[in-house]
Amino acid sequence: IEAFRQTQAKLLFSDAITISSDGTAGSDAYRRALFYREYSRQEA
């Protein structure tokens, strides 16, 4: 809510703690996704 009021962004997303199926720490593979680097229209 704070971030939305400051930016009026249409989409807000964050990082996460990931947990694997056996309960151990998961990976940060999701951070390879495009928006964690840039917001290029053509790449998106």
PDB file of all heavy atoms in Angstrom:
ATOM      1  N   ILE A   1       0.840  -1.202   0.000  1.00  0.00           N
ATOM      2  CA  ILE A   1       0.000   0.000   0.000  1.00  0.00           C
ATOM      3  C   ILE A   1       0.875   1.251   0.000  1.00  0.00           C
ATOM      4  O   ILE A   1       0.616   2.208  -0.737  1.00  0.00           O
ATOM      5  CB  ILE A   1      -0.951  -0.014   1.216  1.00  0.00           C
ATOM      6  CG1 ILE A   1      -1.989  -1.138   1.058  1.00  0.00           C
ATOM      7  CG2 ILE A   1      -1.652   1.333   1.373  1.00  0.00           C
ATOM      8  CD1 ILE A   1      -2.798  -1.408   2.312  1.00  0.00           C
ATOM      9  N   GLU A   2       1.938   1.248   0.816  1.00  0.00           N
ATOM     10  CA  GLU A   2       2.849   2.396   0.851  1.00  0.00           C
ATOM     11  C   GLU A   2       3.502   2.621  -0.510  1.00  0.00           C
ATOM     12  O   GLU A   2       3.571   3.759  -1.002  1.00  0.00           O
ATOM     13  CB  GLU A   2       3.926   2.174   1.914  1.00  0.00           C
ATOM     14  CG  GLU A   2       3.418   2.246   3.347  1.00  0.00           C
ATOM     15  CD  GLU A   2       4.466   1.855   4.368  1.00  0.00           C
ATOM     16  OE1 GLU A   2       5.505   1.258   3.977  1.00  0.00           O
ATOM     17  OE2 GLU A   2       4.259   2.134   5.563  1.00  0.00           O
ATOM     18  N   ALA A   3       3.981   1.515  -1.121  1.00  0.00           N
ATOM     19  CA  ALA A   3       4.650   1.633  -2.421  1.00  0.00           C
ATOM     20  C   ALA A   3       3.687   2.100  -3.497  1.00  0.00           C
ATOM     21  O   ALA A   3       4.046   2.905  -4.365  1.00  0.00           O
ATOM     22  CB  ALA A   3       5.269   0.289  -2.800  1.00  0.00           C
ATOM     23  N   PHE A   4       2.463   1.630  -3.441  1.00  0.00           N
ATOM     24  CA  PHE A   4       1.475   2.051  -4.434  1.00  0.00           C
ATOM     25  C   PHE A   4       1.167   3.542  -4.298  1.00  0.00           C
ATOM     26  O   PHE A   4       1.076   4.258  -5.298  1.00  0.00           O
ATOM     27  CB  PHE A   4       0.200   1.226  -4.296  1.00  0.00           C
ATOM     28  CG  PHE A   4      -0.915   1.702  -5.193  1.00  0.00           C
ATOM     29  CD1 PHE A   4      -0.859   1.485  -6.556  1.00  0.00           C
ATOM     30  CD2 PHE A   4      -1.994   2.399  -4.666  1.00  0.00           C
ATOM     31  CE1 PHE A   4      -1.873   1.945  -7.394  1.00  0.00           C
ATOM     32  CE2 PHE A   4      -3.015   2.856  -5.493  1.00  0.00           C
ATOM     33  CZ  PHE A   4      -2.948   2.630  -6.856  1.00  0.00           C
ATOM     34  N   ARG A   5       1.000   4.004  -3.079  1.00  0.00           N
ATOM     35  CA  ARG A   5       0.699   5.419  -2.869  1.00  0.00           C
ATOM     36  C   ARG A   5       1.846   6.313  -3.354  1.00  0.00           C
ATOM     37  O   ARG A   5       1.625   7.424  -3.833  1.00  0.00           O
ATOM     38  CB  ARG A   5       0.399   5.666  -1.402  1.00  0.00           C
ATOM     39  CG  ARG A   5      -0.987   5.161  -0.997  1.00  0.00           C
ATOM     40  CD  ARG A   5      -1.220   5.251   0.493  1.00  0.00           C
ATOM     41  NE  ARG A   5      -2.626   4.903   0.813  1.00  0.00           N
ATOM     42  CZ  ARG A   5      -3.040   4.550   2.009  1.00  0.00           C
ATOM     43  NH1 ARG A   5      -2.178   4.484   3.032  1.00  0.00           N
ATOM     44  NH2 ARG A   5      -4.317   4.256   2.222  1.00  0.00           N
ATOM     45  N   GLN A   6       3.064   5.816  -3.240  1.00  0.00           N
ATOM     46  CA  GLN A   6       4.227   6.601  -3.665  1.00  0.00           C
ATOM     47  C   GLN A   6       4.417   6.581  -5.180  1.00  0.00           C
ATOM     48  O   GLN A   6       4.846   7.572  -5.770  1.00  0.00           O
ATOM     49  CB  GLN A   6       5.490   6.066  -2.983  1.00  0.00           C
ATOM     50  CG  GLN A   6       5.545   6.316  -1.485  1.00  0.00           C
ATOM     51  CD  GLN A   6       6.663   5.551  -0.811  1.00  0.00           C
ATOM     52  OE1 GLN A   6       7.462   4.877  -1.454  1.00  0.00           O
ATOM     53  NE2 GLN A   6       6.726   5.663   0.505  1.00  0.00           N
ATOM     54  N   THR A   7       4.087   5.447  -5.823  1.00  0.00           N
ATOM     55  CA  THR A   7       4.436   5.270  -7.241  1.00  0.00           C
ATOM     56  C   THR A   7       3.245   5.220  -8.181  1.00  0.00           C
ATOM     57  O   THR A   7       3.401   5.458  -9.384  1.00  0.00           O
ATOM     58  CB  THR A   7       5.219   3.962  -7.426  1.00  0.00           C
ATOM     59  OG1 THR A   7       4.347   2.836  -7.144  1.00  0.00           O
ATOM     60  CG2 THR A   7       6.436   3.902  -6.501  1.00  0.00           C
ATOM     61  N   GLN A   8       2.061   4.858  -7.665  1.00  0.00           N
ATOM     62  CA  GLN A   8       0.876   4.636  -8.495  1.00  0.00           C
ATOM     63  C   GLN A   8       1.122   3.557  -9.558  1.00  0.00           C
ATOM     64  O   GLN A   8       0.491   3.561 -10.625  1.00  0.00           O
ATOM     65  CB  GLN A   8       0.413   5.936  -9.160  1.00  0.00           C
ATOM     66  CG  GLN A   8      -0.090   6.978  -8.164  1.00  0.00           C
ATOM     67  CD  GLN A   8      -1.316   6.511  -7.382  1.00  0.00           C
ATOM     68  OE1 GLN A   8      -2.356   6.225  -7.965  1.00  0.00           O
ATOM     69  NE2 GLN A   8      -1.186   6.441  -6.062  1.00  0.00           N
ATOM     70  N   ALA A   9       2.034   2.659  -9.282  1.00  0.00           N
ATOM     71  CA  ALA A   9       2.349   1.576 -10.217  1.00  0.00           C
ATOM     72  C   ALA A   9       1.136   0.672 -10.406  1.00  0.00           C
ATOM     73  O   ALA A   9       0.365   0.429  -9.476  1.00  0.00           O
ATOM     74  CB  ALA A   9       3.538   0.766  -9.719  1.00  0.00           C
ATOM     75  N   LYS A  10       0.981   0.133 -11.605  1.00  0.00           N
ATOM     76  CA  LYS A  10      -0.118  -0.790 -11.902  1.00  0.00           C
ATOM     77  C   LYS A  10       0.201  -2.218 -11.466  1.00  0.00           C
ATOM     78  O   LYS A  10      -0.710  -3.021 -11.234  1.00  0.00           O
ATOM     79  CB  LYS A  10      -0.428  -0.778 -13.402  1.00  0.00           C
ATOM     80  CG  LYS A  10      -0.825   0.581 -13.959  1.00  0.00           C
ATOM     81  CD  LYS A  10      -2.077   1.119 -13.310  1.00  0.00           C
ATOM     82  CE  LYS A  10      -2.496   2.438 -13.960  1.00  0.00           C
ATOM     83  NZ  LYS A  10      -3.637   3.047 -13.281  1.00  0.00           N
ATOM     84  N   LEU A  11       1.492  -2.534 -11.391  1.00  0.00           N
ATOM     85  CA  LEU A  11       1.927  -3.867 -10.973  1.00  0.00           C
ATOM     86  C   LEU A  11       3.066  -3.703  -9.980  1.00  0.00           C
ATOM     87  O   LEU A  11       4.047  -3.007 -10.258  1.00  0.00           O
ATOM     88  CB  LEU A  11       2.397  -4.687 -12.176  1.00  0.00           C
ATOM     89  CG  LEU A  11       3.079  -6.029 -11.864  1.00  0.00           C
ATOM     90  CD1 LEU A  11       2.065  -7.032 -11.316  1.00  0.00           C
ATOM     91  CD2 LEU A  11       3.759  -6.598 -13.097  1.00  0.00           C
ATOM     92  N   LEU A  12       2.931  -4.340  -8.823  1.00  0.00           N
ATOM     93  CA  LEU A  12       3.987  -4.321  -7.819  1.00  0.00           C
ATOM     94  C   LEU A  12       4.352  -5.762  -7.487  1.00  0.00           C
ATOM     95  O   LEU A  12       3.473  -6.622  -7.343  1.00  0.00           O
ATOM     96  CB  LEU A  12       3.529  -3.588  -6.556  1.00  0.00           C
ATOM     97  CG  LEU A  12       3.018  -2.155  -6.758  1.00  0.00           C
ATOM     98  CD1 LEU A  12       1.490  -2.151  -6.810  1.00  0.00           C
ATOM     99  CD2 LEU A  12       3.480  -1.234  -5.642  1.00  0.00           C
ATOM    100  N   PHE A  13       5.635  -6.036  -7.380  1.00  0.00           N
ATOM    101  CA  PHE A  13       6.074  -7.388  -7.043  1.00  0.00           C
ATOM    102  C   PHE A  13       7.308  -7.296  -6.161  1.00  0.00           C
ATOM    103  O   PHE A  13       7.922  -6.223  -6.039  1.00  0.00           O
ATOM    104  CB  PHE A  13       6.356  -8.207  -8.307  1.00  0.00           C
ATOM    105  CG  PHE A  13       7.542  -7.732  -9.104  1.00  0.00           C
ATOM    106  CD1 PHE A  13       8.764  -8.364  -9.003  1.00  0.00           C
ATOM    107  CD2 PHE A  13       7.434  -6.635  -9.958  1.00  0.00           C
ATOM    108  CE1 PHE A  13       9.859  -7.914  -9.727  1.00  0.00           C
ATOM    109  CE2 PHE A  13       8.511  -6.179 -10.690  1.00  0.00           C
ATOM    110  CZ  PHE A  13       9.733  -6.825 -10.577  1.00  0.00           C
ATOM    111  N   SER A  14       7.689  -8.409  -5.553  1.00  0.00           N
ATOM    112  CA  SER A  14       8.778  -8.376  -4.580  1.00  0.00           C
ATOM    113  C   SER A  14       9.637  -9.624  -4.689  1.00  0.00           C
ATOM    114  O   SER A  14       9.443 -10.465  -5.562  1.00  0.00           O
ATOM    115  CB  SER A  14       8.208  -8.277  -3.165  1.00  0.00           C
ATOM    116  OG  SER A  14       7.577  -9.502  -2.796  1.00  0.00           O
ATOM    117  N   ASP A  15      10.560  -9.733  -3.753  1.00  0.00           N
ATOM    118  CA  ASP A  15      11.323 -10.961  -3.596  1.00  0.00           C
ATOM    119  C   ASP A  15      10.550 -11.934  -2.718  1.00  0.00           C
ATOM    120  O   ASP A  15       9.489 -11.589  -2.167  1.00  0.00           O
ATOM    121  CB  ASP A  15      12.686 -10.655  -2.971  1.00  0.00           C
ATOM    122  CG  ASP A  15      13.682 -10.124  -3.989  1.00  0.00           C
ATOM    123  OD1 ASP A  15      13.702 -10.653  -5.113  1.00  0.00           O
ATOM    124  OD2 ASP A  15      14.425  -9.185  -3.668  1.00  0.00           O
ATOM    125  N   ALA A  16      11.109 -13.126  -2.559  1.00  0.00           N
ATOM    126  CA  ALA A  16      10.441 -14.138  -1.753  1.00  0.00           C
ATOM    127  C   ALA A  16      11.458 -15.059  -1.089  1.00  0.00           C
ATOM    128  O   ALA A  16      12.576 -15.229  -1.580  1.00  0.00           O
ATOM    129  CB  ALA A  16       9.504 -14.975  -2.628  1.00  0.00           C
ATOM    130  N   ILE A  17      11.055 -15.620   0.028  1.00  0.00           N
ATOM    131  CA  ILE A  17      11.771 -16.755   0.613  1.00  0.00           C
ATOM    132  C   ILE A  17      11.218 -17.994  -0.062  1.00  0.00           C
ATOM    133  O   ILE A  17       9.993 -18.175  -0.104  1.00  0.00           O
ATOM    134  CB  ILE A  17      11.537 -16.828   2.136  1.00  0.00           C
ATOM    135  CG1 ILE A  17      12.052 -15.573   2.820  1.00  0.00           C
ATOM    136  CG2 ILE A  17      12.184 -18.086   2.718  1.00  0.00           C
ATOM    137  CD1 ILE A  17      11.608 -15.453   4.273  1.00  0.00           C
ATOM    138  N   THR A  18      12.060 -18.821  -0.610  1.00  0.00           N
ATOM    139  CA  THR A  18      11.573 -20.029  -1.286  1.00  0.00           C
ATOM    140  C   THR A  18      11.900 -21.266  -0.461  1.00  0.00           C
ATOM    141  O   THR A  18      12.969 -21.360   0.144  1.00  0.00           O
ATOM    142  CB  THR A  18      12.180 -20.157  -2.691  1.00  0.00           C
ATOM    143  OG1 THR A  18      13.603 -20.230  -2.588  1.00  0.00           O
ATOM    144  CG2 THR A  18      11.809 -18.960  -3.555  1.00  0.00           C
ATOM    145  N   ILE A  19      10.976 -22.194  -0.458  1.00  0.00           N
ATOM    146  CA  ILE A  19      11.136 -23.460   0.264  1.00  0.00           C
ATOM    147  C   ILE A  19      10.888 -24.601  -0.704  1.00  0.00           C
ATOM    148  O   ILE A  19       9.903 -24.611  -1.441  1.00  0.00           O
ATOM    149  CB  ILE A  19      10.153 -23.558   1.447  1.00  0.00           C
ATOM    150  CG1 ILE A  19      10.411 -22.415   2.447  1.00  0.00           C
ATOM    151  CG2 ILE A  19      10.272 -24.902   2.143  1.00  0.00           C
ATOM    152  CD1 ILE A  19       9.426 -22.395   3.598  1.00  0.00           C
ATOM    153  N   SER A  20      11.777 -25.574  -0.725  1.00  0.00           N
ATOM    154  CA  SER A  20      11.635 -26.720  -1.619  1.00  0.00           C
ATOM    155  C   SER A  20      10.610 -27.695  -1.058  1.00  0.00           C
ATOM    156  O   SER A  20      10.140 -27.556   0.077  1.00  0.00           O
ATOM    157  CB  SER A  20      12.984 -27.417  -1.816  1.00  0.00           C
ATOM    158  OG  SER A  20      13.446 -27.945  -0.595  1.00  0.00           O
ATOM    159  N   SER A  21      10.287 -28.705  -1.847  1.00  0.00           N
ATOM    160  CA  SER A  21       9.242 -29.658  -1.456  1.00  0.00           C
ATOM    161  C   SER A  21       9.589 -30.456  -0.204  1.00  0.00           C
ATOM    162  O   SER A  21       8.701 -30.928   0.500  1.00  0.00           O
ATOM    163  CB  SER A  21       8.964 -30.623  -2.612  1.00  0.00           C
ATOM    164  OG  SER A  21      10.156 -31.290  -2.989  1.00  0.00           O
ATOM    165  N   ASP A  22      10.905 -30.590   0.119  1.00  0.00           N
ATOM    166  CA  ASP A  22      11.299 -31.342   1.316  1.00  0.00           C
ATOM    167  C   ASP A  22      11.488 -30.442   2.534  1.00  0.00           C
ATOM    168  O   ASP A  22      11.978 -30.880   3.577  1.00  0.00           O
ATOM    169  CB  ASP A  22      12.578 -32.143   1.052  1.00  0.00           C
ATOM    170  CG  ASP A  22      13.769 -31.257   0.705  1.00  0.00           C
ATOM    171  OD1 ASP A  22      13.618 -30.021   0.737  1.00  0.00           O
ATOM    172  OD2 ASP A  22      14.846 -31.807   0.389  1.00  0.00           O
ATOM    173  N   GLY A  23      11.107 -29.173   2.406  1.00  0.00           N
ATOM    174  CA  GLY A  23      11.179 -28.266   3.536  1.00  0.00           C
ATOM    175  C   GLY A  23      12.483 -27.514   3.692  1.00  0.00           C
ATOM    176  O   GLY A  23      12.604 -26.655   4.568  1.00  0.00           O
ATOM    177  N   THR A  24      13.457 -27.811   2.862  1.00  0.00           N
ATOM    178  CA  THR A  24      14.732 -27.119   2.926  1.00  0.00           C
ATOM    179  C   THR A  24      14.657 -25.815   2.130  1.00  0.00           C
ATOM    180  O   THR A  24      13.692 -25.569   1.410  1.00  0.00           O
ATOM    181  CB  THR A  24      15.865 -27.997   2.377  1.00  0.00           C
ATOM    182  OG1 THR A  24      15.557 -28.344   1.004  1.00  0.00           O
ATOM    183  CG2 THR A  24      16.004 -29.276   3.190  1.00  0.00           C
ATOM    184  N   ALA A  25      15.710 -25.006   2.278  1.00  0.00           N
ATOM    185  CA  ALA A  25      15.746 -23.733   1.558  1.00  0.00           C
ATOM    186  C   ALA A  25      15.678 -23.967   0.058  1.00  0.00           C
ATOM    187  O   ALA A  25      16.337 -24.873  -0.475  1.00  0.00           O
ATOM    188  CB  ALA A  25      17.007 -22.964   1.926  1.00  0.00           C
ATOM    189  N   GLY A  26      14.880 -23.154  -0.619  1.00  0.00           N
ATOM    190  CA  GLY A  26      14.756 -23.274  -2.061  1.00  0.00           C
ATOM    191  C   GLY A  26      15.813 -22.457  -2.786  1.00  0.00           C
ATOM    192  O   GLY A  26      16.799 -22.018  -2.183  1.00  0.00           O
ATOM    193  N   SER A  27      15.598 -22.241  -4.056  1.00  0.00           N
ATOM    194  CA  SER A  27      16.561 -21.514  -4.875  1.00  0.00           C
ATOM    195  C   SER A  27      16.069 -20.090  -5.133  1.00  0.00           C
ATOM    196  O   SER A  27      14.934 -19.748  -4.825  1.00  0.00           O
ATOM    197  CB  SER A  27      16.758 -22.225  -6.216  1.00  0.00           C
ATOM    198  OG  SER A  27      15.601 -22.059  -7.018  1.00  0.00           O
ATOM    199  N   ASP A  28      16.959 -19.273  -5.689  1.00  0.00           N
ATOM    200  CA  ASP A  28      16.556 -17.931  -6.103  1.00  0.00           C
ATOM    201  C   ASP A  28      16.459 -17.867  -7.629  1.00  0.00           C
ATOM    202  O   ASP A  28      16.651 -16.813  -8.221  1.00  0.00           O
ATOM    203  CB  ASP A  28      17.510 -16.879  -5.572  1.00  0.00           C
ATOM    204  CG  ASP A  28      18.926 -17.037  -6.105  1.00  0.00           C
ATOM    205  OD1 ASP A  28      19.193 -18.057  -6.793  1.00  0.00           O
ATOM    206  OD2 ASP A  28      19.771 -16.149  -5.858  1.00  0.00           O
ATOM    207  N   ALA A  29      16.139 -19.001  -8.245  1.00  0.00           N
ATOM    208  CA  ALA A  29      16.072 -19.074  -9.711  1.00  0.00           C
ATOM    209  C   ALA A  29      15.052 -18.092 -10.273  1.00  0.00           C
ATOM    210  O   ALA A  29      15.203 -17.619 -11.403  1.00  0.00           O
ATOM    211  CB  ALA A  29      15.736 -20.495 -10.154  1.00  0.00           C
ATOM    212  N   TYR A  30      14.031 -17.776  -9.496  1.00  0.00           N
ATOM    213  CA  TYR A  30      13.003 -16.849  -9.988  1.00  0.00           C
ATOM    214  C   TYR A  30      13.594 -15.494 -10.339  1.00  0.00           C
ATOM    215  O   TYR A  30      13.049 -14.759 -11.164  1.00  0.00           O
ATOM    216  CB  TYR A  30      11.889 -16.687  -8.956  1.00  0.00           C
ATOM    217  CG  TYR A  30      12.275 -15.901  -7.728  1.00  0.00           C
ATOM    218  CD1 TYR A  30      12.163 -14.505  -7.720  1.00  0.00           C
ATOM    219  CD2 TYR A  30      12.752 -16.519  -6.581  1.00  0.00           C
ATOM    220  CE1 TYR A  30      12.517 -13.762  -6.601  1.00  0.00           C
ATOM    221  CE2 TYR A  30      13.103 -15.791  -5.467  1.00  0.00           C
ATOM    222  CZ  TYR A  30      12.991 -14.416  -5.477  1.00  0.00           C
ATOM    223  OH  TYR A  30      13.359 -13.684  -4.377  1.00  0.00           O
ATOM    224  N   ARG A  31      14.731 -15.149  -9.744  1.00  0.00           N
ATOM    225  CA  ARG A  31      15.339 -13.841  -9.979  1.00  0.00           C
ATOM    226  C   ARG A  31      15.972 -13.729 -11.367  1.00  0.00           C
ATOM    227  O   ARG A  31      16.419 -12.644 -11.758  1.00  0.00           O
ATOM    228  CB  ARG A  31      16.380 -13.515  -8.906  1.00  0.00           C
ATOM    229  CG  ARG A  31      15.752 -13.227  -7.539  1.00  0.00           C
ATOM    230  CD  ARG A  31      16.799 -12.712  -6.569  1.00  0.00           C
ATOM    231  NE  ARG A  31      17.464 -11.539  -7.095  1.00  0.00           N
ATOM    232  CZ  ARG A  31      16.980 -10.298  -7.030  1.00  0.00           C
ATOM    233  NH1 ARG A  31      15.813 -10.079  -6.459  1.00  0.00           N
ATOM    234  NH2 ARG A  31      17.655  -9.293  -7.535  1.00  0.00           N
ATOM    235  N   ARG A  32      15.981 -14.834 -12.111  1.00  0.00           N
ATOM    236  CA  ARG A  32      16.450 -14.760 -13.503  1.00  0.00           C
ATOM    237  C   ARG A  32      15.380 -14.152 -14.411  1.00  0.00           C
ATOM    238  O   ARG A  32      15.659 -13.836 -15.568  1.00  0.00           O
ATOM    239  CB  ARG A  32      16.831 -16.158 -14.009  1.00  0.00           C
ATOM    240  CG  ARG A  32      18.031 -16.782 -13.300  1.00  0.00           C
ATOM    241  CD  ARG A  32      18.615 -17.926 -14.114  1.00  0.00           C
ATOM    242  NE  ARG A  32      17.699 -19.049 -14.192  1.00  0.00           N
ATOM    243  CZ  ARG A  32      17.749 -20.118 -13.408  1.00  0.00           C
ATOM    244  NH1 ARG A  32      18.677 -20.210 -12.461  1.00  0.00           N
ATOM    245  NH2 ARG A  32      16.895 -21.111 -13.548  1.00  0.00           N
ATOM    246  N   ALA A  33      14.165 -14.007 -13.892  1.00  0.00           N
ATOM    247  CA  ALA A  33      13.075 -13.447 -14.687  1.00  0.00           C
ATOM    248  C   ALA A  33      13.399 -12.003 -15.084  1.00  0.00           C
ATOM    249  O   ALA A  33      14.135 -11.289 -14.398  1.00  0.00           O
ATOM    250  CB  ALA A  33      11.767 -13.499 -13.902  1.00  0.00           C
ATOM    251  N   LEU A  34      12.826 -11.582 -16.194  1.00  0.00           N
ATOM    252  CA  LEU A  34      13.182 -10.321 -16.830  1.00  0.00           C
ATOM    253  C   LEU A  34      13.053  -9.104 -15.924  1.00  0.00           C
ATOM    254  O   LEU A  34      13.949  -8.255 -15.868  1.00  0.00           O
ATOM    255  CB  LEU A  34      12.319 -10.120 -18.079  1.00  0.00           C
ATOM    256  CG  LEU A  34      12.554  -8.820 -18.858  1.00  0.00           C
ATOM    257  CD1 LEU A  34      13.965  -8.796 -19.444  1.00  0.00           C
ATOM    258  CD2 LEU A  34      11.510  -8.658 -19.960  1.00  0.00           C
ATOM    259  N   PHE A  35      11.941  -8.983 -15.192  1.00  0.00           N
ATOM    260  CA  PHE A  35      11.671  -7.747 -14.459  1.00  0.00           C
ATOM    261  C   PHE A  35      12.598  -7.535 -13.266  1.00  0.00           C
ATOM    262  O   PHE A  35      12.597  -6.448 -12.676  1.00  0.00           O
ATOM    263  CB  PHE A  35      10.219  -7.696 -13.998  1.00  0.00           C
ATOM    264  CG  PHE A  35       9.227  -7.454 -15.115  1.00  0.00           C
ATOM    265  CD1 PHE A  35       7.863  -7.556 -14.890  1.00  0.00           C
ATOM    266  CD2 PHE A  35       9.657  -7.130 -16.399  1.00  0.00           C
ATOM    267  CE1 PHE A  35       6.947  -7.335 -15.906  1.00  0.00           C
ATOM    268  CE2 PHE A  35       8.745  -6.921 -17.433  1.00  0.00           C
ATOM    269  CZ  PHE A  35       7.389  -7.024 -17.179  1.00  0.00           C
ATOM    270  N   TYR A  36      13.367  -8.547 -12.896  1.00  0.00           N
ATOM    271  CA  TYR A  36      14.358  -8.339 -11.846  1.00  0.00           C
ATOM    272  C   TYR A  36      15.615  -7.674 -12.410  1.00  0.00           C
ATOM    273  O   TYR A  36      16.534  -7.356 -11.663  1.00  0.00           O
ATOM    274  CB  TYR A  36      14.699  -9.660 -11.158  1.00  0.00           C
ATOM    275  CG  TYR A  36      13.529 -10.200 -10.350  1.00  0.00           C
ATOM    276  CD1 TYR A  36      12.641 -11.120 -10.899  1.00  0.00           C
ATOM    277  CD2 TYR A  36      13.292  -9.748  -9.054  1.00  0.00           C
ATOM    278  CE1 TYR A  36      11.552 -11.585 -10.177  1.00  0.00           C
ATOM    279  CE2 TYR A  36      12.212 -10.217  -8.322  1.00  0.00           C
ATOM    280  CZ  TYR A  36      11.341 -11.129  -8.889  1.00  0.00           C
ATOM    281  OH  TYR A  36      10.256 -11.579  -8.172  1.00  0.00           O
ATOM    282  N   ARG A  37      15.626  -7.452 -13.744  1.00  0.00           N
ATOM    283  CA  ARG A  37      16.754  -6.773 -14.388  1.00  0.00           C
ATOM    284  C   ARG A  37      16.312  -5.501 -15.104  1.00  0.00           C
ATOM    285  O   ARG A  37      16.973  -4.476 -14.991  1.00  0.00           O
ATOM    286  CB  ARG A  37      17.422  -7.698 -15.423  1.00  0.00           C
ATOM    287  CG  ARG A  37      17.906  -9.019 -14.870  1.00  0.00           C
ATOM    288  CD  ARG A  37      18.743  -9.755 -15.906  1.00  0.00           C
ATOM    289  NE  ARG A  37      18.102  -9.853 -17.207  1.00  0.00           N
ATOM    290  CZ  ARG A  37      17.212 -10.779 -17.546  1.00  0.00           C
ATOM    291  NH1 ARG A  37      16.829 -11.685 -16.668  1.00  0.00           N
ATOM    292  NH2 ARG A  37      16.694 -10.808 -18.767  1.00  0.00           N
ATOM    293  N   GLU A  38      15.237  -5.557 -15.862  1.00  0.00           N
ATOM    294  CA  GLU A  38      14.818  -4.405 -16.657  1.00  0.00           C
ATOM    295  C   GLU A  38      13.358  -4.550 -17.070  1.00  0.00           C
ATOM    296  O   GLU A  38      12.757  -5.619 -16.932  1.00  0.00           O
ATOM    297  CB  GLU A  38      15.692  -4.282 -17.907  1.00  0.00           C
ATOM    298  CG  GLU A  38      15.623  -5.499 -18.829  1.00  0.00           C
ATOM    299  CD  GLU A  38      16.466  -5.309 -20.079  1.00  0.00           C
ATOM    300  OE1 GLU A  38      16.223  -4.329 -20.788  1.00  0.00           O
ATOM    301  OE2 GLU A  38      17.349  -6.146 -20.320  1.00  0.00           O
ATOM    302  N   TYR A  39      12.810  -3.450 -17.607  1.00  0.00           N
ATOM    303  CA  TYR A  39      11.415  -3.421 -18.021  1.00  0.00           C
ATOM    304  C   TYR A  39      11.291  -3.112 -19.513  1.00  0.00           C
ATOM    305  O   TYR A  39      10.495  -2.285 -19.931  1.00  0.00           O
ATOM    306  CB  TYR A  39      10.637  -2.368 -17.216  1.00  0.00           C
ATOM    307  CG  TYR A  39      10.715  -2.524 -15.719  1.00  0.00           C
ATOM    308  CD1 TYR A  39      10.731  -1.409 -14.892  1.00  0.00           C
ATOM    309  CD2 TYR A  39      10.773  -3.781 -15.127  1.00  0.00           C
ATOM    310  CE1 TYR A  39      10.791  -1.530 -13.514  1.00  0.00           C
ATOM    311  CE2 TYR A  39      10.840  -3.922 -13.756  1.00  0.00           C
ATOM    312  CZ  TYR A  39      10.855  -2.799 -12.949  1.00  0.00           C
ATOM    313  OH  TYR A  39      10.927  -2.941 -11.580  1.00  0.00           O
ATOM    314  N   SER A  40      12.056  -3.780 -20.331  1.00  0.00           N
ATOM    315  CA  SER A  40      12.037  -3.559 -21.772  1.00  0.00           C
ATOM    316  C   SER A  40      10.740  -4.099 -22.379  1.00  0.00           C
ATOM    317  O   SER A  40      10.397  -5.271 -22.203  1.00  0.00           O
ATOM    318  CB  SER A  40      13.231  -4.255 -22.426  1.00  0.00           C
ATOM    319  OG  SER A  40      13.032  -4.410 -23.809  1.00  0.00           O
ATOM    320  N   ARG A  41      10.016  -3.247 -23.113  1.00  0.00           N
ATOM    321  CA  ARG A  41       8.783  -3.690 -23.764  1.00  0.00           C
ATOM    322  C   ARG A  41       9.037  -4.826 -24.743  1.00  0.00           C
ATOM    323  O   ARG A  41       8.310  -5.819 -24.776  1.00  0.00           O
ATOM    324  CB  ARG A  41       8.134  -2.526 -24.515  1.00  0.00           C
ATOM    325  CG  ARG A  41       7.294  -1.602 -23.688  1.00  0.00           C
ATOM    326  CD  ARG A  41       6.621  -0.580 -24.585  1.00  0.00           C
ATOM    327  NE  ARG A  41       5.863   0.376 -23.792  1.00  0.00           N
ATOM    328  CZ  ARG A  41       5.235   1.413 -24.322  1.00  0.00           C
ATOM    329  NH1 ARG A  41       5.278   1.631 -25.626  1.00  0.00           N
ATOM    330  NH2 ARG A  41       4.552   2.239 -23.549  1.00  0.00           N
ATOM    331  N   GLN A  42      10.060  -4.658 -25.572  1.00  0.00           N
ATOM    332  CA  GLN A  42      10.289  -5.639 -26.625  1.00  0.00           C
ATOM    333  C   GLN A  42      10.716  -6.981 -26.047  1.00  0.00           C
ATOM    334  O   GLN A  42      10.277  -8.031 -26.510  1.00  0.00           O
ATOM    335  CB  GLN A  42      11.337  -5.131 -27.620  1.00  0.00           C
ATOM    336  CG  GLN A  42      11.366  -5.935 -28.912  1.00  0.00           C
ATOM    337  CD  GLN A  42      11.826  -5.128 -30.105  1.00  0.00           C
ATOM    338  OE1 GLN A  42      11.881  -3.897 -30.059  1.00  0.00           O
ATOM    339  NE2 GLN A  42      12.153  -5.800 -31.187  1.00  0.00           N
ATOM    340  N   GLU A  43      11.562  -6.959 -25.012  1.00  0.00           N
ATOM    341  CA  GLU A  43      11.943  -8.225 -24.381  1.00  0.00           C
ATOM    342  C   GLU A  43      10.765  -8.844 -23.652  1.00  0.00           C
ATOM    343  O   GLU A  43      10.573 -10.061 -23.675  1.00  0.00           O
ATOM    344  CB  GLU A  43      13.119  -8.001 -23.425  1.00  0.00           C
ATOM    345  CG  GLU A  43      14.442  -7.758 -24.128  1.00  0.00           C
ATOM    346  CD  GLU A  43      15.623  -7.955 -23.212  1.00  0.00           C
ATOM    347  OE1 GLU A  43      15.600  -8.936 -22.427  1.00  0.00           O
ATOM    348  OE2 GLU A  43      16.561  -7.145 -23.275  1.00  0.00           O
ATOM    349  N   ALA A  44       9.972  -8.013 -22.989  1.00  0.00           N
ATOM    350  CA  ALA A  44       8.811  -8.530 -22.265  1.00  0.00           C
ATOM    351  C   ALA A  44       7.801  -9.157 -23.215  1.00  0.00           C
ATOM    352  O   ALA A  44       7.119 -10.122 -22.865  1.00  0.00           O
ATOM    353  CB  ALA A  44       8.146  -7.408 -21.469  1.00  0.00           C
TER     354      ALA A  44
END
